[in-house]
Amino acid sequence: MVKVQILWNGLMPFHFKIKANDINLNDDIDSNSFDSDILIDGEIIDSGNLFDVKGTIKCRKSFICDRCLTPSSEEQIHEFNEELDRSDIEDDVADLTEIIHDILLASQPIRNLCKEDCKGLCPVCGVNLNESDCKCDRLVVDPRLEALKNYLD
């Protein structure tokens, strides 16, 4: 749980070191895992009707590359700037758990790649094209379009 004591009419800095399981993050991301501490630094500012919550989340995520199936990991840094309504404050404490969970979940890439220019696997023999090149003919013609090949000759 990420809870911060509120300083009414002021600024309250915060620093947390949590595990992904503390905010049920690994349950929401299938084969991916945050395998080190998640560091959260920020501040809450009382701005009148609302509280501004600003900060940075730093973490390390392990995953299997979607193209070449190699185990990989990456450092992630996520900036956030959220607002809390006064009704969200209970007993002078702001619970930021859901905010942190949602920011980390929404910030994940659609594709997990070991590197931006990952070449993937050969569709014929399955060799990792990042590590070696094979001599396979990778030009696979859709059988439905095979008849058009005659027009090129």
C-alpha atoms as a PDB file:
ATOM      1  CA  MET A   1       0.000   0.000   0.000  1.00  0.00           C
ATOM      2  CA  VAL A   2       1.210   3.465  -0.877  1.00  0.00           C
ATOM      3  CA  LYS A   3      -0.199   5.877   1.685  1.00  0.00           C
ATOM      4  CA  VAL A   4       0.931   9.443   2.335  1.00  0.00           C
ATOM      5  CA  GLN A   5       0.118  11.613   5.335  1.00  0.00           C
ATOM      6  CA  ILE A   6      -1.457  14.843   4.048  1.00  0.00           C
ATOM      7  CA  LEU A   7      -0.120  18.242   5.063  1.00  0.00           C
ATOM      8  CA  TRP A   8      -3.081  20.575   4.698  1.00  0.00           C
ATOM      9  CA  ASN A   9      -2.221  23.925   3.038  1.00  0.00           C
ATOM     10  CA  GLY A  10       1.285  22.766   2.205  1.00  0.00           C
ATOM     11  CA  LEU A  11       3.575  20.447   0.312  1.00  0.00           C
ATOM     12  CA  MET A  12       4.297  16.891   1.406  1.00  0.00           C
ATOM     13  CA  PRO A  13       7.164  15.027  -0.304  1.00  0.00           C
ATOM     14  CA  PHE A  14       7.103  11.222  -0.365  1.00  0.00           C
ATOM     15  CA  HIS A  15       9.461   8.369  -1.192  1.00  0.00           C
ATOM     16  CA  PHE A  16       8.468   4.690  -1.369  1.00  0.00           C
ATOM     17  CA  LYS A  17      10.199   1.449  -2.195  1.00  0.00           C
ATOM     18  CA  ILE A  18       7.652  -1.293  -2.858  1.00  0.00           C
ATOM     19  CA  LYS A  19       7.361  -4.678  -4.566  1.00  0.00           C
ATOM     20  CA  ALA A  20       5.035  -5.288  -7.532  1.00  0.00           C
ATOM     21  CA  ASN A  21       3.029  -7.708  -5.392  1.00  0.00           C
ATOM     22  CA  ASP A  22       2.309  -4.878  -2.919  1.00  0.00           C
ATOM     23  CA  ILE A  23       0.046  -3.315  -5.544  1.00  0.00           C
ATOM     24  CA  ASN A  24      -1.018  -6.580  -7.278  1.00  0.00           C
ATOM     25  CA  LEU A  25       0.804  -5.603 -10.452  1.00  0.00           C
ATOM     26  CA  ASN A  26       2.125  -9.011 -11.531  1.00  0.00           C
ATOM     27  CA  ASP A  27      -1.439 -10.364 -11.445  1.00  0.00           C
ATOM     28  CA  ASP A  28      -2.423  -7.930 -14.227  1.00  0.00           C
ATOM     29  CA  ILE A  29       0.539  -8.410 -16.556  1.00  0.00           C
ATOM     30  CA  ASP A  30       0.651 -11.997 -17.809  1.00  0.00           C
ATOM     31  CA  SER A  31       4.147 -13.167 -18.659  1.00  0.00           C
ATOM     32  CA  ASN A  32       5.869  -9.995 -17.579  1.00  0.00           C
ATOM     33  CA  SER A  33       7.181  -9.241 -14.149  1.00  0.00           C
ATOM     34  CA  PHE A  34       8.653  -6.369 -12.241  1.00  0.00           C
ATOM     35  CA  ASP A  35      11.548  -8.184 -10.652  1.00  0.00           C
ATOM     36  CA  SER A  36      13.082  -5.477  -8.476  1.00  0.00           C
ATOM     37  CA  ASP A  37      11.866  -2.816  -6.110  1.00  0.00           C
ATOM     38  CA  ILE A  38       9.633  -0.120  -7.551  1.00  0.00           C
ATOM     39  CA  LEU A  39      10.865   3.305  -6.473  1.00  0.00           C
ATOM     40  CA  ILE A  40       8.313   6.102  -6.194  1.00  0.00           C
ATOM     41  CA  ASP A  41       9.339   9.701  -5.516  1.00  0.00           C
ATOM     42  CA  GLY A  42       7.027  12.685  -5.536  1.00  0.00           C
ATOM     43  CA  GLU A  43       5.051  15.280  -3.693  1.00  0.00           C
ATOM     44  CA  ILE A  44       1.485  16.146  -2.825  1.00  0.00           C
ATOM     45  CA  ILE A  45       0.530  19.811  -2.931  1.00  0.00           C
ATOM     46  CA  ASP A  46      -2.667  21.214  -1.460  1.00  0.00           C
ATOM     47  CA  SER A  47      -3.964  23.501  -4.221  1.00  0.00           C
ATOM     48  CA  GLY A  48      -7.282  24.467  -2.668  1.00  0.00           C
ATOM     49  CA  ASN A  49     -10.090  22.245  -3.916  1.00  0.00           C
ATOM     50  CA  LEU A  50      -7.747  19.495  -5.088  1.00  0.00           C
ATOM     51  CA  PHE A  51      -4.420  17.901  -4.237  1.00  0.00           C
ATOM     52  CA  ASP A  52      -1.813  17.746  -6.998  1.00  0.00           C
ATOM     53  CA  VAL A  53       0.193  14.509  -6.908  1.00  0.00           C
ATOM     54  CA  LYS A  54       3.400  14.649  -8.968  1.00  0.00           C
ATOM     55  CA  GLY A  55       6.285  12.258  -9.165  1.00  0.00           C
ATOM     56  CA  THR A  56       8.388   9.612 -10.825  1.00  0.00           C
ATOM     57  CA  ILE A  57       8.167   5.818 -10.808  1.00  0.00           C
ATOM     58  CA  LYS A  58      11.340   3.814 -11.497  1.00  0.00           C
ATOM     59  CA  CYS A  59      11.300   0.040 -11.975  1.00  0.00           C
ATOM     60  CA  ARG A  60      12.847  -2.882 -13.828  1.00  0.00           C
ATOM     61  CA  LYS A  61      10.697  -5.250 -15.869  1.00  0.00           C
ATOM     62  CA  SER A  62      11.634  -8.726 -17.121  1.00  0.00           C
ATOM     63  CA  PHE A  63       9.876 -10.192 -20.139  1.00  0.00           C
ATOM     64  CA  ILE A  64      10.173 -12.522 -23.114  1.00  0.00           C
ATOM     65  CA  CYS A  65      10.794 -10.651 -26.382  1.00  0.00           C
ATOM     66  CA  ASP A  66       7.727 -10.852 -28.607  1.00  0.00           C
ATOM     67  CA  ARG A  67       9.826 -11.282 -31.771  1.00  0.00           C
ATOM     68  CA  CYS A  68      12.764 -13.529 -30.864  1.00  0.00           C
ATOM     69  CA  LEU A  69      11.515 -15.136 -27.604  1.00  0.00           C
ATOM     70  CA  THR A  70      14.707 -14.178 -25.746  1.00  0.00           C
ATOM     71  CA  PRO A  71      14.450 -13.385 -22.010  1.00  0.00           C
ATOM     72  CA  SER A  72      15.064  -9.641 -21.623  1.00  0.00           C
ATOM     73  CA  SER A  73      14.671  -6.820 -19.158  1.00  0.00           C
ATOM     74  CA  GLU A  74      14.480  -3.042 -19.229  1.00  0.00           C
ATOM     75  CA  GLU A  75      14.576  -0.097 -16.873  1.00  0.00           C
ATOM     76  CA  GLN A  76      11.408   1.978 -16.936  1.00  0.00           C
ATOM     77  CA  ILE A  77      10.864   5.530 -15.725  1.00  0.00           C
ATOM     78  CA  HIS A  78       7.350   6.964 -15.647  1.00  0.00           C
ATOM     79  CA  GLU A  79       6.477  10.554 -14.777  1.00  0.00           C
ATOM     80  CA  PHE A  80       3.024  11.229 -13.371  1.00  0.00           C
ATOM     81  CA  ASN A  81       0.873  14.215 -12.492  1.00  0.00           C
ATOM     82  CA  GLU A  82      -2.519  13.351 -11.024  1.00  0.00           C
ATOM     83  CA  GLU A  83      -5.193  15.140  -9.017  1.00  0.00           C
ATOM     84  CA  LEU A  84      -6.933  13.916  -5.880  1.00  0.00           C
ATOM     85  CA  ASP A  85     -10.238  15.298  -4.707  1.00  0.00           C
ATOM     86  CA  ARG A  86     -10.556  16.199  -1.044  1.00  0.00           C
ATOM     87  CA  SER A  87     -13.132  13.407  -0.724  1.00  0.00           C
ATOM     88  CA  ASP A  88     -10.360  10.905  -1.606  1.00  0.00           C
ATOM     89  CA  ILE A  89      -8.505  11.812   1.617  1.00  0.00           C
ATOM     90  CA  GLU A  90      -9.432   9.662   4.591  1.00  0.00           C
ATOM     91  CA  ASP A  91      -8.122  10.420   8.100  1.00  0.00           C
ATOM     92  CA  ASP A  92      -5.555  12.876   6.632  1.00  0.00           C
ATOM     93  CA  VAL A  93      -4.049  10.061   4.535  1.00  0.00           C
ATOM     94  CA  ALA A  94      -3.958   9.791   0.734  1.00  0.00           C
ATOM     95  CA  ASP A  95      -3.870   6.247  -0.625  1.00  0.00           C
ATOM     96  CA  LEU A  96      -1.862   6.343  -3.874  1.00  0.00           C
ATOM     97  CA  THR A  97      -1.862   2.581  -4.443  1.00  0.00           C
ATOM     98  CA  GLU A  98      -4.462   2.607  -7.214  1.00  0.00           C
ATOM     99  CA  ILE A  99      -2.852   5.599  -8.946  1.00  0.00           C
ATOM    100  CA  ILE A 100       0.575   3.921  -8.991  1.00  0.00           C
ATOM    101  CA  HIS A 101      -0.930   0.605 -10.146  1.00  0.00           C
ATOM    102  CA  ASP A 102      -2.858   2.241 -12.994  1.00  0.00           C
ATOM    103  CA  ILE A 103       0.081   4.373 -14.175  1.00  0.00           C
ATOM    104  CA  LEU A 104       2.405   1.359 -14.343  1.00  0.00           C
ATOM    105  CA  LEU A 105      -0.207  -0.774 -16.076  1.00  0.00           C
ATOM    106  CA  ALA A 106      -1.155   1.887 -18.653  1.00  0.00           C
ATOM    107  CA  SER A 107       2.492   2.717 -19.384  1.00  0.00           C
ATOM    108  CA  GLN A 108       3.422  -0.765 -20.567  1.00  0.00           C
ATOM    109  CA  PRO A 109       4.249  -1.140 -24.260  1.00  0.00           C
ATOM    110  CA  ILE A 110       1.964  -3.102 -26.532  1.00  0.00           C
ATOM    111  CA  ARG A 111       4.978  -5.103 -27.726  1.00  0.00           C
ATOM    112  CA  ASN A 112       7.878  -6.145 -25.533  1.00  0.00           C
ATOM    113  CA  LEU A 113      11.073  -6.137 -27.593  1.00  0.00           C
ATOM    114  CA  CYS A 114      14.606  -6.993 -26.471  1.00  0.00           C
ATOM    115  CA  LYS A 115      15.819  -4.117 -28.664  1.00  0.00           C
ATOM    116  CA  GLU A 116      14.110  -1.750 -31.040  1.00  0.00           C
ATOM    117  CA  ASP A 117      15.569  -3.359 -34.162  1.00  0.00           C
ATOM    118  CA  CYS A 118      15.008  -6.981 -33.111  1.00  0.00           C
ATOM    119  CA  LYS A 119      15.002  -9.200 -36.219  1.00  0.00           C
ATOM    120  CA  GLY A 120      12.964 -11.995 -34.658  1.00  0.00           C
ATOM    121  CA  LEU A 121      13.004 -15.652 -35.679  1.00  0.00           C
ATOM    122  CA  CYS A 122      13.325 -17.131 -39.153  1.00  0.00           C
ATOM    123  CA  PRO A 123       9.821 -18.303 -40.131  1.00  0.00           C
ATOM    124  CA  VAL A 124      11.319 -21.315 -41.921  1.00  0.00           C
ATOM    125  CA  CYS A 125      13.948 -22.793 -39.580  1.00  0.00           C
ATOM    126  CA  GLY A 126      13.364 -20.830 -36.357  1.00  0.00           C
ATOM    127  CA  VAL A 127      16.921 -19.504 -35.877  1.00  0.00           C
ATOM    128  CA  ASN A 128      17.242 -16.255 -33.899  1.00  0.00           C
ATOM    129  CA  LEU A 129      18.141 -13.743 -36.639  1.00  0.00           C
ATOM    130  CA  ASN A 130      19.774 -11.430 -34.080  1.00  0.00           C
ATOM    131  CA  GLU A 131      22.427 -14.067 -33.380  1.00  0.00           C
ATOM    132  CA  SER A 132      23.034 -15.572 -36.838  1.00  0.00           C
ATOM    133  CA  ASP A 133      21.741 -15.507 -40.365  1.00  0.00           C
ATOM    134  CA  CYS A 134      20.360 -18.588 -42.046  1.00  0.00           C
ATOM    135  CA  LYS A 135      20.213 -19.341 -45.741  1.00  0.00           C
ATOM    136  CA  CYS A 136      16.494 -20.035 -45.794  1.00  0.00           C
ATOM    137  CA  ASP A 137      14.305 -18.600 -48.512  1.00  0.00           C
ATOM    138  CA  ARG A 138      11.999 -16.472 -46.379  1.00  0.00           C
ATOM    139  CA  LEU A 139       9.890 -15.299 -49.289  1.00  0.00           C
ATOM    140  CA  VAL A 140       6.691 -17.183 -48.636  1.00  0.00           C
ATOM    141  CA  VAL A 141       4.080 -16.707 -51.330  1.00  0.00           C
ATOM    142  CA  ASP A 142       0.466 -16.911 -50.294  1.00  0.00           C
ATOM    143  CA  PRO A 143      -0.907 -19.969 -52.176  1.00  0.00           C
ATOM    144  CA  ARG A 144      -4.001 -17.968 -53.168  1.00  0.00           C
ATOM    145  CA  LEU A 145      -1.741 -15.539 -55.072  1.00  0.00           C
ATOM    146  CA  GLU A 146       0.459 -18.202 -56.681  1.00  0.00           C
ATOM    147  CA  ALA A 147      -1.286 -17.732 -60.071  1.00  0.00           C
ATOM    148  CA  LEU A 148      -0.108 -14.089 -60.241  1.00  0.00           C
ATOM    149  CA  LYS A 149       3.495 -15.298 -60.261  1.00  0.00           C
ATOM    150  CA  ASN A 150       3.040 -16.301 -63.940  1.00  0.00           C
ATOM    151  CA  TYR A 151       2.465 -12.659 -64.912  1.00  0.00           C
ATOM    152  CA  LEU A 152       5.902 -11.627 -63.591  1.00  0.00           C
ATOM    153  CA  ASP A 153       7.840 -14.043 -65.842  1.00  0.00           C
END
